[in-house]
Each structure stands twice: as C-alpha cells, then as structure tokens.
Amino acid sequence: MTAADLSVLSVTLPAESGVARLYDAPDLADAFAVRLPDNAIDDPELLARFLFAHQAGWVMHLLKLRDALVARFGLKTSAQLRKEAATGSRERVDIFRIYTRSAREIILGEDDSHLDFRLSVLQQTRDIGNGRARYLVLSTVVHCHNGLGRFYILAIAPFHRAVVRSALRHAARVGWPTT
C-alpha cells in the first residue's frame, strides 16, 4: 500500500450523487474521497458497513462525548439510534438509516427535530495521470430546521470533517475488503 492509497482528498460534491440536489441550500455540504484498490469489492453497502466497522478508537470516545452533550437538549444519541435499529423495521448501516441504494451508491442518514442529514457512500471512477482509478467518495449534506440545528452544525463541523477523513484513512490502512 502506498501513501497515495491512504491520501484523503477534499472534493466537490459529486453531481451524480443522490445527495447533490437533495436540499436547495444545505447548511453543510462536503465530500471526501479515497482511492480504492483495483481488487476492492464494489458493493457500496458493504463498503459502508466496512467503513463504519473500522473506525479509529478516538472516534468512539468523541461519539460518547457528543451523546452526553446532546442528550441534555433532547437530541437523538447513538444509543437511541442503535436501539431503533435493533427494534425497528428499517434497515440500517451502523446507526444510520438506509434511504436509497443503487449499484454505485448508498444513501444513509437520519432526521431529527433540529436537522436532517444524508450521507452518501459513492463509488466513482476518476481520471488519473496514467489511466483511471476507482474512488470511494463520502459526501454529507445537512438541512437545519432551527437555531439549535444551525448551532449544532457550526459546533460539530470541524469534528465531522476530522472523523470522515479519519474513517476513510483508517479503512484504507486496515485494507478494503476484496473480491
């Protein structure tokens, strides 16, 4: 594995993603990409499950801190979302509800009183200097409903970006599942 294979790029929201036109004026919209090895599986749901199953340890500590803080404001915690996943009829990837899936993309997310968000896990083929390569692009869009949502996004945006970059880098370091 080369250093280039671990490099996480900040990219524009892919036009072909189902989240690109979801909200007229999203309160947060970002996308990050990492190169996939040629022999990596091509199922976006399996890639998403792998990605969330291989988080760095500090991410779980950060999530616990987030849960302790947001519970005071009546917002959903990861424990509540996991409970919904265990008892609900909706399919989930980790704590996120599955909204749509296709051969190249799965869209996950959650709705709450303060905001709605969607997360796209999209496989994309990109031109590189000597040919083409597959990339996994993680895109997030958020629509806030009120001041609490806008404050929340403002407060967590730097952490969100660090977590997304870390998740992609960590999964690449562990080694993507292969065909």
N, C-alpha and C. Protein backbone atom coordinates (compact mmCIF):
# COMPACT_ATOMS: atom_id res chain seq x y z
N MET A 1 0.85 -1.17 0.00
CA MET A 1 0.00 0.00 0.00
C MET A 1 0.90 1.24 0.00
N THR A 2 0.59 2.17 -0.89
CA THR A 2 1.39 3.38 -0.99
C THR A 2 0.74 4.50 -0.19
N ALA A 3 1.52 5.56 0.03
CA ALA A 3 0.98 6.72 0.74
C ALA A 3 -0.18 7.32 -0.03
N ALA A 4 -0.13 7.24 -1.35
CA ALA A 4 -1.23 7.77 -2.17
C ALA A 4 -2.54 7.03 -1.89
N ASP A 5 -2.45 5.74 -1.56
CA ASP A 5 -3.65 4.95 -1.28
C ASP A 5 -4.31 5.36 0.03
N LEU A 6 -3.58 6.04 0.91
CA LEU A 6 -4.12 6.50 2.18
C LEU A 6 -4.51 7.97 2.14
N SER A 7 -4.23 8.63 1.04
CA SER A 7 -4.49 10.05 0.92
C SER A 7 -5.99 10.31 0.78
N VAL A 8 -6.52 11.15 1.66
CA VAL A 8 -7.93 11.52 1.61
C VAL A 8 -8.01 12.92 1.01
N LEU A 9 -8.80 13.03 -0.05
CA LEU A 9 -8.93 14.28 -0.77
C LEU A 9 -10.24 14.96 -0.47
N SER A 10 -10.21 16.27 -0.26
CA SER A 10 -11.44 17.04 -0.20
C SER A 10 -11.86 17.29 -1.64
N VAL A 11 -13.09 16.91 -1.99
CA VAL A 11 -13.56 17.03 -3.37
C VAL A 11 -14.90 17.76 -3.39
N THR A 12 -15.30 18.18 -4.57
CA THR A 12 -16.62 18.78 -4.70
C THR A 12 -17.68 17.69 -4.58
N LEU A 13 -18.84 18.08 -4.14
CA LEU A 13 -19.94 17.14 -4.04
C LEU A 13 -20.20 16.56 -5.44
N PRO A 14 -20.12 15.24 -5.60
CA PRO A 14 -20.29 14.66 -6.93
C PRO A 14 -21.69 14.93 -7.49
N ALA A 15 -21.75 15.45 -8.70
CA ALA A 15 -23.02 15.78 -9.34
C ALA A 15 -23.91 14.55 -9.49
N GLU A 16 -23.29 13.35 -9.67
CA GLU A 16 -24.09 12.14 -9.87
C GLU A 16 -24.62 11.56 -8.56
N SER A 17 -24.23 12.12 -7.43
CA SER A 17 -24.70 11.62 -6.14
C SER A 17 -26.15 12.03 -5.91
N GLY A 18 -26.89 11.15 -5.30
CA GLY A 18 -28.28 11.43 -4.95
C GLY A 18 -28.45 12.53 -3.91
N VAL A 19 -27.38 12.87 -3.20
CA VAL A 19 -27.48 13.93 -2.19
C VAL A 19 -27.14 15.31 -2.75
N ALA A 20 -26.62 15.36 -3.98
CA ALA A 20 -26.14 16.63 -4.54
C ALA A 20 -27.25 17.67 -4.67
N ARG A 21 -28.45 17.24 -4.98
CA ARG A 21 -29.55 18.18 -5.18
C ARG A 21 -30.67 17.97 -4.15
N LEU A 22 -30.35 17.34 -3.05
CA LEU A 22 -31.36 16.99 -2.07
C LEU A 22 -31.95 18.22 -1.36
N TYR A 23 -31.11 19.16 -0.98
CA TYR A 23 -31.56 20.36 -0.29
C TYR A 23 -31.17 21.58 -1.13
N ASP A 24 -32.08 22.54 -1.25
CA ASP A 24 -31.81 23.74 -2.06
C ASP A 24 -30.59 24.49 -1.57
N ALA A 25 -30.51 24.71 -0.27
CA ALA A 25 -29.38 25.45 0.30
C ALA A 25 -28.94 24.73 1.58
N PRO A 26 -28.13 23.67 1.43
CA PRO A 26 -27.73 22.91 2.62
C PRO A 26 -26.93 23.76 3.60
N ASP A 27 -27.10 23.48 4.87
CA ASP A 27 -26.35 24.19 5.91
C ASP A 27 -24.94 23.64 6.03
N LEU A 28 -24.72 22.45 5.53
CA LEU A 28 -23.39 21.85 5.45
C LEU A 28 -23.40 20.93 4.24
N ALA A 29 -22.36 21.01 3.45
CA ALA A 29 -22.21 20.10 2.31
C ALA A 29 -20.71 19.90 2.10
N ASP A 30 -20.26 18.66 2.20
CA ASP A 30 -18.85 18.38 1.95
C ASP A 30 -18.70 16.98 1.39
N ALA A 31 -17.54 16.74 0.83
CA ALA A 31 -17.26 15.42 0.25
C ALA A 31 -15.76 15.15 0.34
N PHE A 32 -15.43 13.90 0.63
CA PHE A 32 -14.05 13.46 0.74
C PHE A 32 -13.91 12.14 -0.01
N ALA A 33 -12.76 11.93 -0.64
CA ALA A 33 -12.55 10.74 -1.46
C ALA A 33 -11.23 10.07 -1.10
N VAL A 34 -11.22 8.75 -1.26
CA VAL A 34 -10.01 7.96 -1.09
C VAL A 34 -9.98 6.92 -2.22
N ARG A 35 -8.80 6.65 -2.69
CA ARG A 35 -8.67 5.68 -3.80
C ARG A 35 -8.89 4.26 -3.27
N LEU A 36 -9.62 3.50 -4.05
CA LEU A 36 -9.85 2.09 -3.74
C LEU A 36 -8.86 1.23 -4.53
N PRO A 37 -8.37 0.16 -3.94
CA PRO A 37 -7.53 -0.77 -4.72
C PRO A 37 -8.36 -1.40 -5.84
N ASP A 38 -7.69 -1.82 -6.88
CA ASP A 38 -8.39 -2.41 -8.03
C ASP A 38 -9.22 -3.63 -7.64
N ASN A 39 -8.77 -4.38 -6.64
CA ASN A 39 -9.47 -5.62 -6.27
C ASN A 39 -10.46 -5.42 -5.12
N ALA A 40 -10.74 -4.17 -4.72
CA ALA A 40 -11.71 -3.93 -3.64
C ALA A 40 -13.11 -4.28 -4.13
N ILE A 41 -13.94 -4.74 -3.20
CA ILE A 41 -15.33 -5.04 -3.54
C ILE A 41 -15.98 -3.79 -4.12
N ASP A 42 -17.06 -3.99 -4.87
CA ASP A 42 -17.70 -2.83 -5.50
C ASP A 42 -19.12 -2.59 -5.00
N ASP A 43 -19.51 -3.23 -3.93
CA ASP A 43 -20.84 -3.05 -3.35
C ASP A 43 -20.80 -1.88 -2.38
N PRO A 44 -21.49 -0.77 -2.65
CA PRO A 44 -21.40 0.39 -1.77
C PRO A 44 -21.91 0.13 -0.35
N GLU A 45 -22.91 -0.73 -0.21
CA GLU A 45 -23.40 -1.04 1.14
C GLU A 45 -22.33 -1.78 1.94
N LEU A 46 -21.68 -2.76 1.33
CA LEU A 46 -20.62 -3.49 2.04
C LEU A 46 -19.44 -2.58 2.35
N LEU A 47 -19.12 -1.67 1.43
CA LEU A 47 -18.05 -0.70 1.70
C LEU A 47 -18.44 0.21 2.86
N ALA A 48 -19.69 0.65 2.90
CA ALA A 48 -20.16 1.50 4.01
C ALA A 48 -20.10 0.74 5.33
N ARG A 49 -20.56 -0.50 5.33
CA ARG A 49 -20.52 -1.29 6.57
C ARG A 49 -19.08 -1.49 7.04
N PHE A 50 -18.18 -1.75 6.10
CA PHE A 50 -16.77 -1.90 6.44
C PHE A 50 -16.22 -0.60 7.02
N LEU A 51 -16.53 0.49 6.38
CA LEU A 51 -16.05 1.80 6.80
C LEU A 51 -16.46 2.11 8.24
N PHE A 52 -17.73 1.88 8.57
CA PHE A 52 -18.21 2.20 9.91
C PHE A 52 -17.77 1.17 10.95
N ALA A 53 -17.44 -0.03 10.52
CA ALA A 53 -16.97 -1.06 11.45
C ALA A 53 -15.50 -0.89 11.79
N HIS A 54 -14.78 -0.06 11.04
CA HIS A 54 -13.35 0.10 11.25
C HIS A 54 -12.98 1.55 11.56
N GLN A 55 -13.65 2.10 12.56
CA GLN A 55 -13.37 3.47 13.00
C GLN A 55 -12.17 3.47 13.96
N ALA A 56 -11.44 4.55 13.95
CA ALA A 56 -10.36 4.72 14.92
C ALA A 56 -10.97 4.82 16.32
N GLY A 57 -10.24 4.37 17.32
CA GLY A 57 -10.74 4.37 18.69
C GLY A 57 -11.18 5.73 19.20
N TRP A 58 -10.46 6.79 18.81
CA TRP A 58 -10.80 8.12 19.31
C TRP A 58 -12.18 8.57 18.82
N VAL A 59 -12.64 8.03 17.69
CA VAL A 59 -13.95 8.42 17.16
C VAL A 59 -15.04 7.96 18.12
N MET A 60 -14.91 6.77 18.67
CA MET A 60 -15.91 6.27 19.61
C MET A 60 -15.94 7.11 20.89
N HIS A 61 -14.77 7.55 21.34
CA HIS A 61 -14.73 8.43 22.52
C HIS A 61 -15.40 9.77 22.22
N LEU A 62 -15.16 10.29 21.04
CA LEU A 62 -15.78 11.54 20.63
C LEU A 62 -17.30 11.38 20.54
N LEU A 63 -17.76 10.25 20.03
CA LEU A 63 -19.20 9.99 19.93
C LEU A 63 -19.84 9.91 21.32
N LYS A 64 -19.15 9.32 22.28
CA LYS A 64 -19.67 9.26 23.65
C LYS A 64 -19.79 10.65 24.24
N LEU A 65 -18.80 11.50 24.00
CA LEU A 65 -18.85 12.88 24.47
C LEU A 65 -20.01 13.62 23.81
N ARG A 66 -20.15 13.45 22.50
CA ARG A 66 -21.26 14.08 21.77
C ARG A 66 -22.60 13.65 22.36
N ASP A 67 -22.76 12.34 22.62
CA ASP A 67 -24.01 11.83 23.18
C ASP A 67 -24.32 12.44 24.54
N ALA A 68 -23.31 12.56 25.39
CA ALA A 68 -23.51 13.14 26.72
C ALA A 68 -23.98 14.60 26.62
N LEU A 69 -23.44 15.32 25.65
CA LEU A 69 -23.81 16.73 25.49
C LEU A 69 -25.19 16.90 24.86
N VAL A 70 -25.49 16.15 23.79
CA VAL A 70 -26.75 16.38 23.08
C VAL A 70 -27.96 15.80 23.80
N ALA A 71 -27.76 14.81 24.65
CA ALA A 71 -28.89 14.23 25.38
C ALA A 71 -29.59 15.28 26.23
N ARG A 72 -28.84 16.25 26.69
CA ARG A 72 -29.40 17.33 27.52
C ARG A 72 -30.36 18.22 26.74
N PHE A 73 -30.24 18.20 25.42
CA PHE A 73 -31.09 19.03 24.57
C PHE A 73 -32.19 18.24 23.88
N GLY A 74 -32.31 16.96 24.25
CA GLY A 74 -33.36 16.13 23.68
C GLY A 74 -33.07 15.60 22.29
N LEU A 75 -31.82 15.65 21.86
CA LEU A 75 -31.44 15.15 20.54
C LEU A 75 -31.13 13.66 20.63
N LYS A 76 -31.25 12.97 19.51
CA LYS A 76 -31.02 11.53 19.48
C LYS A 76 -29.55 11.21 19.75
N THR A 77 -29.34 10.23 20.62
CA THR A 77 -27.98 9.75 20.89
C THR A 77 -27.71 8.50 20.06
N SER A 78 -26.45 8.11 19.97
CA SER A 78 -26.13 6.90 19.22
C SER A 78 -26.76 5.67 19.88
N ALA A 79 -26.88 5.67 21.20
CA ALA A 79 -27.53 4.55 21.89
C ALA A 79 -29.00 4.45 21.49
N GLN A 80 -29.68 5.59 21.38
CA GLN A 80 -31.08 5.58 20.95
C GLN A 80 -31.21 5.08 19.51
N LEU A 81 -30.29 5.51 18.66
CA LEU A 81 -30.32 5.08 17.26
C LEU A 81 -30.04 3.59 17.14
N ARG A 82 -29.13 3.07 17.96
CA ARG A 82 -28.85 1.63 17.94
C ARG A 82 -30.06 0.83 18.44
N LYS A 83 -30.77 1.40 19.42
CA LYS A 83 -31.97 0.74 19.93
C LYS A 83 -33.04 0.72 18.84
N GLU A 84 -33.19 1.83 18.12
CA GLU A 84 -34.13 1.88 17.00
C GLU A 84 -33.76 0.83 15.95
N ALA A 85 -32.47 0.68 15.71
CA ALA A 85 -32.01 -0.29 14.71
C ALA A 85 -32.36 -1.71 15.14
N ALA A 86 -32.24 -1.99 16.44
CA ALA A 86 -32.50 -3.34 16.94
C ALA A 86 -33.99 -3.66 16.96
N THR A 87 -34.82 -2.66 17.18
CA THR A 87 -36.25 -2.91 17.32
C THR A 87 -37.07 -2.47 16.12
N GLY A 88 -36.50 -1.67 15.26
CA GLY A 88 -37.24 -1.12 14.13
C GLY A 88 -37.24 -2.02 12.92
N SER A 89 -38.10 -1.66 11.99
CA SER A 89 -38.20 -2.45 10.76
C SER A 89 -37.33 -1.87 9.65
N ARG A 90 -36.81 -0.68 9.85
CA ARG A 90 -36.00 -0.04 8.81
C ARG A 90 -34.58 -0.60 8.83
N GLU A 91 -34.05 -0.78 7.64
CA GLU A 91 -32.68 -1.25 7.52
C GLU A 91 -31.71 -0.14 7.89
N ARG A 92 -30.58 -0.53 8.47
CA ARG A 92 -29.58 0.44 8.89
C ARG A 92 -28.18 -0.07 8.58
N VAL A 93 -27.27 0.88 8.48
CA VAL A 93 -25.84 0.62 8.46
C VAL A 93 -25.31 1.34 9.68
N ASP A 94 -24.85 0.57 10.65
CA ASP A 94 -24.45 1.11 11.94
C ASP A 94 -25.63 1.88 12.53
N ILE A 95 -25.47 3.15 12.87
CA ILE A 95 -26.58 3.90 13.47
C ILE A 95 -27.41 4.66 12.43
N PHE A 96 -27.06 4.52 11.16
CA PHE A 96 -27.70 5.32 10.12
C PHE A 96 -28.75 4.54 9.35
N ARG A 97 -29.89 5.17 9.13
CA ARG A 97 -30.98 4.59 8.35
C ARG A 97 -30.58 4.58 6.87
N ILE A 98 -30.93 3.50 6.17
CA ILE A 98 -30.71 3.42 4.73
C ILE A 98 -31.90 4.07 4.03
N TYR A 99 -31.62 5.07 3.21
CA TYR A 99 -32.66 5.74 2.44
C TYR A 99 -32.76 5.19 1.03
N THR A 100 -31.65 5.10 0.33
CA THR A 100 -31.67 4.53 -1.02
C THR A 100 -30.36 3.79 -1.26
N ARG A 101 -30.41 2.88 -2.23
CA ARG A 101 -29.19 2.19 -2.64
C ARG A 101 -29.28 1.90 -4.12
N SER A 102 -28.13 1.91 -4.74
CA SER A 102 -28.02 1.57 -6.15
C SER A 102 -26.72 0.79 -6.32
N ALA A 103 -26.37 0.48 -7.54
CA ALA A 103 -25.17 -0.30 -7.81
C ALA A 103 -23.90 0.47 -7.41
N ARG A 104 -23.96 1.81 -7.42
CA ARG A 104 -22.75 2.59 -7.13
C ARG A 104 -22.85 3.45 -5.87
N GLU A 105 -24.04 3.53 -5.26
CA GLU A 105 -24.20 4.45 -4.13
C GLU A 105 -25.21 3.94 -3.13
N ILE A 106 -24.94 4.24 -1.86
CA ILE A 106 -25.93 4.03 -0.81
C ILE A 106 -26.04 5.36 -0.07
N ILE A 107 -27.28 5.75 0.23
CA ILE A 107 -27.52 6.99 0.95
C ILE A 107 -28.09 6.64 2.31
N LEU A 108 -27.40 7.12 3.33
CA LEU A 108 -27.75 6.89 4.73
C LEU A 108 -28.12 8.22 5.36
N GLY A 109 -28.69 8.19 6.54
CA GLY A 109 -28.95 9.44 7.22
C GLY A 109 -29.86 9.29 8.41
N GLU A 110 -30.37 10.43 8.82
CA GLU A 110 -31.26 10.47 9.97
C GLU A 110 -31.97 11.81 9.95
N ASP A 111 -33.19 11.81 10.46
CA ASP A 111 -33.96 13.03 10.65
C ASP A 111 -34.16 13.23 12.14
N ASP A 112 -34.06 14.47 12.57
CA ASP A 112 -34.29 14.80 13.97
C ASP A 112 -35.00 16.14 14.01
N SER A 113 -35.38 16.58 15.19
CA SER A 113 -36.13 17.83 15.31
C SER A 113 -35.30 19.04 14.90
N HIS A 114 -34.00 18.96 15.05
CA HIS A 114 -33.14 20.13 14.78
C HIS A 114 -32.55 20.14 13.38
N LEU A 115 -32.39 18.94 12.78
CA LEU A 115 -31.81 18.87 11.43
C LEU A 115 -32.05 17.51 10.80
N ASP A 116 -31.92 17.48 9.49
CA ASP A 116 -31.92 16.24 8.71
C ASP A 116 -30.58 16.17 8.02
N PHE A 117 -30.01 14.97 7.94
CA PHE A 117 -28.75 14.84 7.21
C PHE A 117 -28.76 13.56 6.39
N ARG A 118 -28.00 13.62 5.31
CA ARG A 118 -27.80 12.44 4.47
C ARG A 118 -26.32 12.29 4.20
N LEU A 119 -25.91 11.05 4.16
CA LEU A 119 -24.53 10.66 3.92
C LEU A 119 -24.51 9.72 2.73
N SER A 120 -23.76 10.07 1.72
CA SER A 120 -23.64 9.25 0.52
C SER A 120 -22.31 8.52 0.54
N VAL A 121 -22.35 7.23 0.25
CA VAL A 121 -21.15 6.42 0.04
C VAL A 121 -21.23 6.02 -1.43
N LEU A 122 -20.39 6.66 -2.24
CA LEU A 122 -20.46 6.55 -3.68
C LEU A 122 -19.13 6.04 -4.24
N GLN A 123 -19.22 5.06 -5.13
CA GLN A 123 -18.04 4.64 -5.89
C GLN A 123 -17.98 5.48 -7.15
N GLN A 124 -16.81 6.01 -7.42
CA GLN A 124 -16.66 6.88 -8.57
C GLN A 124 -15.36 6.51 -9.29
N THR A 125 -15.41 6.47 -10.61
CA THR A 125 -14.20 6.25 -11.39
C THR A 125 -13.70 7.62 -11.83
N ARG A 126 -12.42 7.88 -11.58
CA ARG A 126 -11.82 9.18 -11.90
C ARG A 126 -10.62 8.98 -12.80
N ASP A 127 -10.41 9.99 -13.63
CA ASP A 127 -9.19 10.00 -14.46
C ASP A 127 -8.01 10.36 -13.58
N ILE A 128 -6.93 9.60 -13.75
CA ILE A 128 -5.68 9.91 -13.07
C ILE A 128 -4.61 10.04 -14.16
N GLY A 129 -3.43 10.44 -13.79
CA GLY A 129 -2.38 10.70 -14.76
C GLY A 129 -2.16 9.62 -15.78
N ASN A 130 -2.19 8.37 -15.38
CA ASN A 130 -1.88 7.26 -16.30
C ASN A 130 -3.06 6.33 -16.52
N GLY A 131 -4.27 6.84 -16.42
CA GLY A 131 -5.43 5.99 -16.65
C GLY A 131 -6.61 6.40 -15.80
N ARG A 132 -7.30 5.39 -15.27
CA ARG A 132 -8.49 5.63 -14.44
C ARG A 132 -8.36 4.80 -13.17
N ALA A 133 -9.00 5.28 -12.11
CA ALA A 133 -8.98 4.57 -10.83
C ALA A 133 -10.32 4.74 -10.14
N ARG A 134 -10.64 3.76 -9.30
CA ARG A 134 -11.88 3.83 -8.51
C ARG A 134 -11.61 4.57 -7.20
N TYR A 135 -12.59 5.38 -6.82
CA TYR A 135 -12.53 6.11 -5.56
C TYR A 135 -13.81 5.88 -4.79
N LEU A 136 -13.70 5.95 -3.47
CA LEU A 136 -14.87 5.94 -2.62
C LEU A 136 -15.04 7.37 -2.14
N VAL A 137 -16.22 7.94 -2.40
CA VAL A 137 -16.50 9.32 -2.04
C VAL A 137 -17.56 9.33 -0.96
N LEU A 138 -17.25 9.95 0.16
CA LEU A 138 -18.18 10.11 1.27
C LEU A 138 -18.65 11.55 1.25
N SER A 139 -19.93 11.77 1.00
CA SER A 139 -20.50 13.12 0.93
C SER A 139 -21.54 13.27 2.02
N THR A 140 -21.59 14.44 2.61
CA THR A 140 -22.56 14.75 3.66
C THR A 140 -23.28 16.04 3.31
N VAL A 141 -24.61 16.02 3.43
CA VAL A 141 -25.40 17.23 3.31
C VAL A 141 -26.33 17.31 4.50
N VAL A 142 -26.52 18.55 5.00
CA VAL A 142 -27.33 18.77 6.19
C VAL A 142 -28.29 19.91 5.93
N HIS A 143 -29.53 19.71 6.36
CA HIS A 143 -30.54 20.76 6.32
C HIS A 143 -31.01 21.00 7.77
N CYS A 144 -30.80 22.21 8.26
CA CYS A 144 -31.19 22.56 9.63
C CYS A 144 -32.62 23.09 9.66
N HIS A 145 -33.34 22.76 10.74
CA HIS A 145 -34.72 23.21 10.90
C HIS A 145 -34.84 24.44 11.78
N ASN A 146 -33.82 24.69 12.60
CA ASN A 146 -33.96 25.78 13.58
C ASN A 146 -32.57 26.24 14.05
N GLY A 147 -32.58 27.17 14.98
CA GLY A 147 -31.32 27.71 15.51
C GLY A 147 -30.47 26.66 16.20
N LEU A 148 -31.12 25.73 16.89
CA LEU A 148 -30.35 24.66 17.55
C LEU A 148 -29.60 23.84 16.51
N GLY A 149 -30.25 23.53 15.40
CA GLY A 149 -29.58 22.77 14.34
C GLY A 149 -28.41 23.53 13.76
N ARG A 150 -28.59 24.84 13.51
CA ARG A 150 -27.50 25.64 12.95
C ARG A 150 -26.35 25.76 13.94
N PHE A 151 -26.65 25.92 15.23
CA PHE A 151 -25.59 25.97 16.25
C PHE A 151 -24.86 24.63 16.32
N TYR A 152 -25.63 23.55 16.30
CA TYR A 152 -25.04 22.21 16.37
C TYR A 152 -24.07 21.98 15.20
N ILE A 153 -24.50 22.30 13.99
CA ILE A 153 -23.63 22.10 12.81
C ILE A 153 -22.39 22.97 12.90
N LEU A 154 -22.56 24.20 13.32
CA LEU A 154 -21.40 25.09 13.47
C LEU A 154 -20.40 24.50 14.46
N ALA A 155 -20.92 23.95 15.56
CA ALA A 155 -20.05 23.40 16.61
C ALA A 155 -19.37 22.09 16.19
N ILE A 156 -20.08 21.25 15.46
CA ILE A 156 -19.50 19.93 15.16
C ILE A 156 -18.81 19.83 13.82
N ALA A 157 -18.98 20.81 12.94
CA ALA A 157 -18.43 20.71 11.58
C ALA A 157 -16.94 20.35 11.56
N PRO A 158 -16.08 21.00 12.36
CA PRO A 158 -14.66 20.61 12.31
C PRO A 158 -14.43 19.16 12.76
N PHE A 159 -15.20 18.71 13.74
CA PHE A 159 -15.07 17.33 14.22
C PHE A 159 -15.59 16.36 13.15
N HIS A 160 -16.71 16.73 12.54
CA HIS A 160 -17.29 15.91 11.47
C HIS A 160 -16.25 15.66 10.38
N ARG A 161 -15.60 16.72 9.92
CA ARG A 161 -14.63 16.59 8.83
C ARG A 161 -13.43 15.73 9.26
N ALA A 162 -13.00 15.90 10.50
CA ALA A 162 -11.88 15.09 11.01
C ALA A 162 -12.28 13.61 11.09
N VAL A 163 -13.52 13.34 11.51
CA VAL A 163 -13.99 11.96 11.62
C VAL A 163 -14.10 11.32 10.23
N VAL A 164 -14.65 12.05 9.27
CA VAL A 164 -14.79 11.49 7.92
C VAL A 164 -13.42 11.19 7.33
N ARG A 165 -12.50 12.14 7.43
CA ARG A 165 -11.14 11.91 6.91
C ARG A 165 -10.50 10.70 7.60
N SER A 166 -10.64 10.64 8.92
CA SER A 166 -10.07 9.54 9.68
C SER A 166 -10.69 8.20 9.28
N ALA A 167 -12.01 8.18 9.10
CA ALA A 167 -12.69 6.93 8.75
C ALA A 167 -12.18 6.40 7.41
N LEU A 168 -12.06 7.27 6.43
CA LEU A 168 -11.56 6.84 5.12
C LEU A 168 -10.11 6.38 5.20
N ARG A 169 -9.29 7.14 5.89
CA ARG A 169 -7.87 6.80 6.02
C ARG A 169 -7.70 5.49 6.80
N HIS A 170 -8.45 5.34 7.88
CA HIS A 170 -8.33 4.15 8.72
C HIS A 170 -8.77 2.90 7.95
N ALA A 171 -9.88 2.98 7.22
CA ALA A 171 -10.35 1.83 6.44
C ALA A 171 -9.32 1.45 5.38
N ALA A 172 -8.72 2.46 4.74
CA ALA A 172 -7.69 2.18 3.74
C ALA A 172 -6.46 1.52 4.38
N ARG A 173 -6.12 1.97 5.57
CA ARG A 173 -4.96 1.40 6.27
C ARG A 173 -5.23 -0.05 6.68
N VAL A 174 -6.45 -0.33 7.15
CA VAL A 174 -6.83 -1.69 7.53
C VAL A 174 -6.82 -2.58 6.29
N GLY A 175 -7.28 -2.05 5.18
CA GLY A 175 -7.33 -2.79 3.92
C GLY A 175 -8.76 -3.08 3.53
N TRP A 176 -9.19 -2.50 2.43
CA TRP A 176 -10.56 -2.68 1.96
C TRP A 176 -10.84 -4.13 1.67
N PRO A 177 -12.07 -4.60 1.91
CA PRO A 177 -12.40 -5.99 1.56
C PRO A 177 -12.28 -6.19 0.05
N THR A 178 -11.85 -7.36 -0.33
CA THR A 178 -11.58 -7.62 -1.74
C THR A 178 -12.56 -8.65 -2.30
N THR A 179 -12.56 -8.71 -3.63
CA THR A 179 -13.47 -9.63 -4.33
C THR A 179 -12.90 -11.03 -4.32
